[in-house]
Amino acid sequence: MKPVFRDYDQAALDAQYNNRALVPDFAEHMDRWARDSVTARRELPCRLDIPYGPAALERLDLFPGSGEGAPLHVFIHGGYWRALDKGSFSFLASAFVKSGVSFAALNYPLAPAARMDS
């Protein structure tokens, strides 16, 4: 077992990035987020899939806050560049929009199409 970071070998380090295994009831959380996100997109004003770059996944969903010049919170979903989608996190917009803050959730290219070393 050769350490690759501090006292972690590669298998132990990989396990630290596996939230599906580390978080109890992970699937239930994801299911709730999906349901609540559908509700947010249905009930809140929003513009979906606005391009911000040339790649197919360089898109954002915008939930405008109240008034011109409203502050903007930009949310970049987790997934370690391998998984998930901005649409799974639309539910977060509700709290921001209700407070007058605009909310944007971004997608980005995922691995293996996107490389972190280039």
C-alpha atoms as a PDB file:
ATOM      1  CA  MET A   1       0.000   0.000   0.000  1.00  0.00           C
ATOM      2  CA  LYS A   2       1.822   3.029  -1.282  1.00  0.00           C
ATOM      3  CA  PRO A   3       0.421   6.347   0.022  1.00  0.00           C
ATOM      4  CA  VAL A   4      -0.653   8.783  -2.703  1.00  0.00           C
ATOM      5  CA  PHE A   5      -1.873  11.531  -0.354  1.00  0.00           C
ATOM      6  CA  ARG A   6      -0.967  11.761   3.322  1.00  0.00           C
ATOM      7  CA  ASP A   7      -1.617   8.265   4.722  1.00  0.00           C
ATOM      8  CA  TYR A   8      -4.152   7.292   2.024  1.00  0.00           C
ATOM      9  CA  ASP A   9      -3.417   4.686  -0.602  1.00  0.00           C
ATOM     10  CA  GLN A  10      -5.368   5.038  -3.865  1.00  0.00           C
ATOM     11  CA  ALA A  11      -8.277   2.815  -2.732  1.00  0.00           C
ATOM     12  CA  ALA A  12      -8.707   4.693   0.552  1.00  0.00           C
ATOM     13  CA  LEU A  13      -8.512   8.067  -1.200  1.00  0.00           C
ATOM     14  CA  ASP A  14     -11.084   6.979  -3.795  1.00  0.00           C
ATOM     15  CA  ALA A  15     -13.397   5.886  -0.972  1.00  0.00           C
ATOM     16  CA  GLN A  16     -13.281   9.417   0.482  1.00  0.00           C
ATOM     17  CA  TYR A  17     -14.700  10.787  -2.780  1.00  0.00           C
ATOM     18  CA  ASN A  18     -17.532   8.236  -2.944  1.00  0.00           C
ATOM     19  CA  ASN A  19     -20.396  10.177  -1.349  1.00  0.00           C
ATOM     20  CA  ARG A  20     -22.887   7.565  -2.505  1.00  0.00           C
ATOM     21  CA  ALA A  21     -21.235   5.150  -0.078  1.00  0.00           C
ATOM     22  CA  LEU A  22     -20.467   7.715   2.645  1.00  0.00           C
ATOM     23  CA  VAL A  23     -23.902   9.373   2.940  1.00  0.00           C
ATOM     24  CA  PRO A  24     -26.665   7.290   4.497  1.00  0.00           C
ATOM     25  CA  ASP A  25     -29.812   7.129   2.331  1.00  0.00           C
ATOM     26  CA  PHE A  26     -28.025   8.842  -0.564  1.00  0.00           C
ATOM     27  CA  ALA A  27     -30.580   7.590  -3.125  1.00  0.00           C
ATOM     28  CA  GLU A  28     -33.469   8.978  -1.080  1.00  0.00           C
ATOM     29  CA  HIS A  29     -31.809  12.397  -0.971  1.00  0.00           C
ATOM     30  CA  MET A  30     -31.316  12.346  -4.739  1.00  0.00           C
ATOM     31  CA  ASP A  31     -34.946  11.327  -5.331  1.00  0.00           C
ATOM     32  CA  ARG A  32     -36.202  14.186  -3.123  1.00  0.00           C
ATOM     33  CA  TRP A  33     -33.922  16.680  -4.874  1.00  0.00           C
ATOM     34  CA  ALA A  34     -35.264  15.545  -8.253  1.00  0.00           C
ATOM     35  CA  ARG A  35     -38.909  15.945  -7.168  1.00  0.00           C
ATOM     36  CA  ASP A  36     -38.301  19.332  -5.558  1.00  0.00           C
ATOM     37  CA  SER A  37     -36.352  20.507  -8.603  1.00  0.00           C
ATOM     38  CA  VAL A  38     -39.243  19.668 -10.945  1.00  0.00           C
ATOM     39  CA  THR A  39     -41.505  21.709  -8.664  1.00  0.00           C
ATOM     40  CA  ALA A  40     -39.081  24.663  -8.649  1.00  0.00           C
ATOM     41  CA  ARG A  41     -38.852  24.716 -12.456  1.00  0.00           C
ATOM     42  CA  ARG A  42     -42.647  24.555 -12.702  1.00  0.00           C
ATOM     43  CA  GLU A  43     -43.421  27.206 -10.061  1.00  0.00           C
ATOM     44  CA  LEU A  44     -40.596  29.733 -10.359  1.00  0.00           C
ATOM     45  CA  PRO A  45     -39.884  32.006 -13.293  1.00  0.00           C
ATOM     46  CA  CYS A  46     -36.846  30.600 -15.057  1.00  0.00           C
ATOM     47  CA  ARG A  47     -34.874  30.470 -18.274  1.00  0.00           C
ATOM     48  CA  LEU A  48     -33.410  27.040 -18.876  1.00  0.00           C
ATOM     49  CA  ASP A  49     -30.383  25.868 -20.856  1.00  0.00           C
ATOM     50  CA  ILE A  50     -28.869  29.269 -21.605  1.00  0.00           C
ATOM     51  CA  PRO A  51     -25.536  28.685 -23.386  1.00  0.00           C
ATOM     52  CA  TYR A  52     -22.458  30.256 -21.788  1.00  0.00           C
ATOM     53  CA  GLY A  53     -19.823  28.485 -23.903  1.00  0.00           C
ATOM     54  CA  PRO A  54     -19.376  26.370 -27.029  1.00  0.00           C
ATOM     55  CA  ALA A  55     -19.575  22.880 -25.456  1.00  0.00           C
ATOM     56  CA  ALA A  56     -22.958  21.131 -25.444  1.00  0.00           C
ATOM     57  CA  LEU A  57     -22.967  20.942 -21.640  1.00  0.00           C
ATOM     58  CA  GLU A  58     -21.951  24.576 -21.117  1.00  0.00           C
ATOM     59  CA  ARG A  59     -25.465  25.632 -20.220  1.00  0.00           C
ATOM     60  CA  LEU A  60     -27.038  27.339 -17.242  1.00  0.00           C
ATOM     61  CA  ASP A  61     -30.498  27.641 -15.751  1.00  0.00           C
ATOM     62  CA  LEU A  62     -31.402  31.109 -14.484  1.00  0.00           C
ATOM     63  CA  PHE A  63     -34.028  31.831 -11.854  1.00  0.00           C
ATOM     64  CA  PRO A  64     -34.296  35.632 -11.685  1.00  0.00           C
ATOM     65  CA  GLY A  65     -34.608  37.440  -8.373  1.00  0.00           C
ATOM     66  CA  SER A  66     -36.782  40.472  -7.900  1.00  0.00           C
ATOM     67  CA  GLY A  67     -35.945  43.740  -9.544  1.00  0.00           C
ATOM     68  CA  GLU A  68     -33.281  45.000 -11.860  1.00  0.00           C
ATOM     69  CA  GLY A  69     -29.782  44.552 -10.505  1.00  0.00           C
ATOM     70  CA  ALA A  70     -30.708  41.733  -8.127  1.00  0.00           C
ATOM     71  CA  PRO A  71     -27.681  39.957  -6.695  1.00  0.00           C
ATOM     72  CA  LEU A  72     -26.772  36.658  -8.341  1.00  0.00           C
ATOM     73  CA  HIS A  73     -25.784  33.386  -6.688  1.00  0.00           C
ATOM     74  CA  VAL A  74     -23.981  31.013  -9.079  1.00  0.00           C
ATOM     75  CA  PHE A  75     -24.175  27.318  -8.168  1.00  0.00           C
ATOM     76  CA  ILE A  76     -21.791  24.778  -9.699  1.00  0.00           C
ATOM     77  CA  HIS A  77     -23.003  21.280  -8.925  1.00  0.00           C
ATOM     78  CA  GLY A  78     -20.747  18.618  -7.460  1.00  0.00           C
ATOM     79  CA  GLY A  79     -20.113  15.312  -9.105  1.00  0.00           C
ATOM     80  CA  TYR A  80     -16.319  15.378  -9.227  1.00  0.00           C
ATOM     81  CA  TRP A  81     -16.434  16.160 -12.969  1.00  0.00           C
ATOM     82  CA  ARG A  82     -17.981  12.722 -13.559  1.00  0.00           C
ATOM     83  CA  ALA A  83     -21.693  12.895 -12.804  1.00  0.00           C
ATOM     84  CA  LEU A  84     -24.834  14.877 -11.994  1.00  0.00           C
ATOM     85  CA  ASP A  85     -26.564  17.746 -13.719  1.00  0.00           C
ATOM     86  CA  LYS A  86     -27.632  21.306 -12.947  1.00  0.00           C
ATOM     87  CA  GLY A  87     -31.276  20.275 -13.184  1.00  0.00           C
ATOM     88  CA  SER A  88     -30.932  18.107 -10.095  1.00  0.00           C
ATOM     89  CA  PHE A  89     -30.325  21.230  -8.028  1.00  0.00           C
ATOM     90  CA  SER A  90     -33.077  23.588  -9.209  1.00  0.00           C
ATOM     91  CA  PHE A  91     -34.718  23.138  -5.817  1.00  0.00           C
ATOM     92  CA  LEU A  92     -32.014  25.361  -4.312  1.00  0.00           C
ATOM     93  CA  ALA A  93     -33.317  28.329  -6.321  1.00  0.00           C
ATOM     94  CA  SER A  94     -36.469  28.690  -4.221  1.00  0.00           C
ATOM     95  CA  ALA A  95     -34.768  30.107  -1.126  1.00  0.00           C
ATOM     96  CA  PHE A  96     -32.703  32.556  -3.158  1.00  0.00           C
ATOM     97  CA  VAL A  97     -35.535  33.797  -5.369  1.00  0.00           C
ATOM     98  CA  LYS A  98     -37.840  34.258  -2.367  1.00  0.00           C
ATOM     99  CA  SER A  99     -35.120  36.486  -0.876  1.00  0.00           C
ATOM    100  CA  GLY A 100     -34.849  38.556  -4.072  1.00  0.00           C
ATOM    101  CA  VAL A 101     -31.588  36.947  -5.216  1.00  0.00           C
ATOM    102  CA  SER A 102     -31.153  35.536  -8.713  1.00  0.00           C
ATOM    103  CA  PHE A 103     -29.930  31.943  -8.877  1.00  0.00           C
ATOM    104  CA  ALA A 104     -27.982  30.346 -11.727  1.00  0.00           C
ATOM    105  CA  ALA A 105     -27.094  26.648 -11.831  1.00  0.00           C
ATOM    106  CA  LEU A 106     -24.352  25.667 -14.271  1.00  0.00           C
ATOM    107  CA  ASN A 107     -23.584  22.518 -16.197  1.00  0.00           C
ATOM    108  CA  TYR A 108     -20.129  21.803 -17.510  1.00  0.00           C
ATOM    109  CA  PRO A 109     -18.447  19.099 -19.588  1.00  0.00           C
ATOM    110  CA  LEU A 110     -17.877  15.875 -17.674  1.00  0.00           C
ATOM    111  CA  ALA A 111     -15.130  13.269 -17.760  1.00  0.00           C
ATOM    112  CA  PRO A 112     -14.003  11.499 -19.750  1.00  0.00           C
ATOM    113  CA  ALA A 113     -14.916  14.062 -22.435  1.00  0.00           C
ATOM    114  CA  ALA A 114     -13.412  16.791 -20.256  1.00  0.00           C
ATOM    115  CA  ARG A 115      -9.932  16.320 -18.880  1.00  0.00           C
ATOM    116  CA  MET A 116      -8.685  18.038 -15.775  1.00  0.00           C
ATOM    117  CA  ASP A 117      -5.052  17.967 -16.906  1.00  0.00           C
ATOM    118  CA  SER A 118      -5.409  19.847 -20.185  1.00  0.00           C
END
